[in-house]
Every structure is written in structure tokens, then in C-alpha cells.
């Protein structure tokens, strides 16, 4: 968190994920964490908050012989990941809308039958 008297603090770190074994290789994702966090308080209360962004930047691949290679994730790969996430969110939103419309229609049918 922020030092006393300092409202916000810049955060920038490289995070390495848990190893995942795939065949004889072990891969670990690498992401960049950037943003701001802060907090302040007094005798009658306080506040805290932040803005953080996590961006995948590479994977570390350890071969069966122990050699490690860092493979950067290109801007195109990042865009493809974002597109997949947005597509999934769009599908979820459409499903939610269909469920809400179906519930509304069943309520109208029940109400008109009474």
C-alpha cells in the first residue's frame, strides 16, 4: 500500500504463474501487473482503492533436458486472447438476455391466463 502521507503508489511487477506440465515440457505463464493502489485513513474512517491491469507477456518453457526458453507473446496473440474473452462475454450476455426474455414471456402468459 501507499506510504503514510502518500495517497497513491504506482505498481509494476512481473508475475510468474504456477508450472503446468505438458508432456515432457513444463510451462509457466508470465504476466505484467501495472496500476495504482492507495489508501488513507483518519480517526473517523478511511478509504482504499486501486486500478490494476494484468497483461500476459510471455511463457517460460522448460524442456526435458532442463533448458529454459522464454517465448514472448506478441501483440497479435494478445489481441486474439482479448477477442476470445470478448466473444465469450458476448455469448454470455446473449444467453442472459434470452433467459430474461423467456422468463418475461412466461410471466405474461401466466398473468393473461388468470
Protein backbone atom coordinates (compact mmCIF):
# COMPACT_ATOMS: atom_id res chain seq x y z
CA UNK A 1 0.00 0.00 0.00
CA UNK A 2 0.96 3.64 -0.14
CA UNK A 3 3.36 5.10 2.40
CA UNK A 4 1.91 7.42 5.07
CA UNK A 5 1.16 10.82 3.57
CA UNK A 6 1.31 9.41 0.05
CA UNK A 7 -2.17 8.84 -1.37
CA UNK A 8 -1.35 6.58 -4.33
CA UNK A 9 1.55 4.36 -5.25
CA UNK A 10 2.49 3.09 -8.71
CA UNK A 11 2.68 -0.71 -9.01
CA UNK A 12 4.60 -2.53 -11.72
CA UNK A 13 5.60 -6.15 -11.31
CA UNK A 14 6.23 -9.22 -13.39
CA UNK A 15 4.25 -12.22 -12.17
CA UNK A 16 5.17 -15.83 -12.93
CA UNK A 17 2.36 -18.38 -12.72
CA UNK A 18 2.29 -21.94 -11.45
CA UNK A 19 4.11 -24.55 -13.57
CA UNK A 20 1.99 -26.66 -15.89
CA UNK A 21 3.37 -29.98 -17.17
CA UNK A 22 2.55 -30.76 -20.79
CA UNK A 23 4.18 -33.99 -21.86
CA UNK A 24 7.88 -33.69 -21.01
CA UNK A 25 7.78 -29.87 -21.01
CA UNK A 26 6.85 -27.58 -18.14
CA UNK A 27 5.45 -24.15 -18.96
CA UNK A 28 4.88 -21.15 -16.70
CA UNK A 29 2.88 -18.10 -17.77
CA UNK A 30 4.39 -14.65 -17.25
CA UNK A 31 2.25 -11.53 -16.88
CA UNK A 32 2.88 -7.85 -16.23
CA UNK A 33 0.92 -6.22 -13.40
CA UNK A 34 0.61 -2.44 -13.65
CA UNK A 35 -1.50 0.14 -11.93
CA UNK A 36 -2.03 2.28 -8.88
CA UNK A 37 -3.09 1.46 -5.32
CA UNK A 38 -3.69 3.73 -2.41
CA UNK A 39 -5.23 4.15 0.98
CA UNK A 40 -5.65 6.82 3.59
CA UNK A 41 -7.32 6.93 6.93
CA UNK A 42 -8.05 9.01 9.92
CA UNK A 43 -9.67 8.74 13.31
CA UNK A 44 -13.16 8.56 11.76
CA UNK A 45 -12.56 6.17 8.90
CA UNK A 46 -10.56 5.77 5.77
CA UNK A 47 -10.57 4.70 2.18
CA UNK A 48 -8.64 2.43 -0.10
CA UNK A 49 -8.73 1.60 -3.75
CA UNK A 50 -6.78 0.90 -6.82
CA UNK A 51 -6.64 0.27 -10.52
CA UNK A 52 -4.68 -2.73 -11.76
CA UNK A 53 -4.12 -4.26 -15.18
CA UNK A 54 -2.71 -7.73 -15.78
CA UNK A 55 -1.34 -8.41 -19.26
CA UNK A 56 0.12 -11.74 -20.44
CA UNK A 57 3.59 -11.12 -21.86
CA UNK A 58 5.38 -14.48 -22.18
CA UNK A 59 5.62 -18.14 -21.26
CA UNK A 60 8.70 -19.85 -19.87
CA UNK A 61 9.20 -23.31 -21.37
CA UNK A 62 11.46 -25.81 -19.60
CA UNK A 63 12.44 -28.68 -21.85
CA UNK A 64 13.01 -32.27 -20.68
CA UNK A 65 16.80 -31.67 -20.69
CA UNK A 66 16.39 -28.71 -18.29
CA UNK A 67 16.94 -25.95 -20.86
CA UNK A 68 14.60 -22.97 -20.42
CA UNK A 69 13.32 -20.68 -23.14
CA UNK A 70 11.24 -17.54 -22.72
CA UNK A 71 8.69 -17.15 -25.52
CA UNK A 72 7.19 -13.67 -25.80
CA UNK A 73 3.51 -13.25 -26.51
CA UNK A 74 3.12 -10.94 -29.48
CA UNK A 75 0.62 -8.10 -29.80
CA UNK A 76 -1.34 -10.29 -32.23
CA UNK A 77 -1.59 -13.07 -29.64
CA UNK A 78 -2.71 -10.56 -27.00
CA UNK A 79 -5.37 -9.27 -29.38
CA UNK A 80 -6.51 -12.83 -30.10
CA UNK A 81 -6.83 -13.52 -26.36
CA UNK A 82 -8.85 -10.31 -25.89
CA UNK A 83 -11.08 -11.25 -28.82
CA UNK A 84 -11.74 -14.70 -27.32
CA UNK A 85 -12.64 -13.15 -23.98
CA UNK A 86 -14.93 -10.58 -25.62
CA UNK A 87 -16.59 -13.33 -27.67
CA UNK A 88 -17.22 -15.35 -24.52
CA UNK A 89 -18.69 -12.32 -22.76
CA UNK A 90 -20.91 -11.61 -25.77
CA UNK A 91 -22.23 -15.18 -25.77
CA UNK A 92 -22.87 -14.98 -22.02
CA UNK A 93 -24.71 -11.66 -22.47
CA UNK A 94 -26.89 -13.04 -25.26
CA UNK A 95 -27.73 -16.13 -23.18
CA UNK A 96 -28.66 -13.92 -20.23
CA UNK A 97 -30.90 -11.78 -22.44
CA UNK A 98 -32.63 -14.87 -23.85
CA UNK A 99 -33.21 -16.22 -20.32
CA UNK A 100 -34.67 -12.89 -19.19
CA UNK A 101 -36.96 -12.67 -22.23
CA UNK A 102 -38.12 -16.25 -21.71
CA UNK A 103 -38.93 -15.52 -18.04
CA UNK A 104 -40.78 -12.33 -19.01
CA UNK A 105 -42.79 -14.20 -21.66
CA UNK A 106 -43.77 -16.93 -19.20
CA UNK A 107 -44.91 -14.30 -16.68
CA UNK A 108 -47.05 -12.60 -19.34
CA UNK A 109 -48.64 -15.93 -20.30
CA UNK A 110 -49.36 -16.78 -16.64
CA UNK A 111 -50.79 -13.31 -15.97
CA UNK A 112 -53.05 -13.37 -19.03
CA UNK A 113 -54.36 -16.84 -18.09
CA UNK A 114 -55.59 -15.57 -14.70
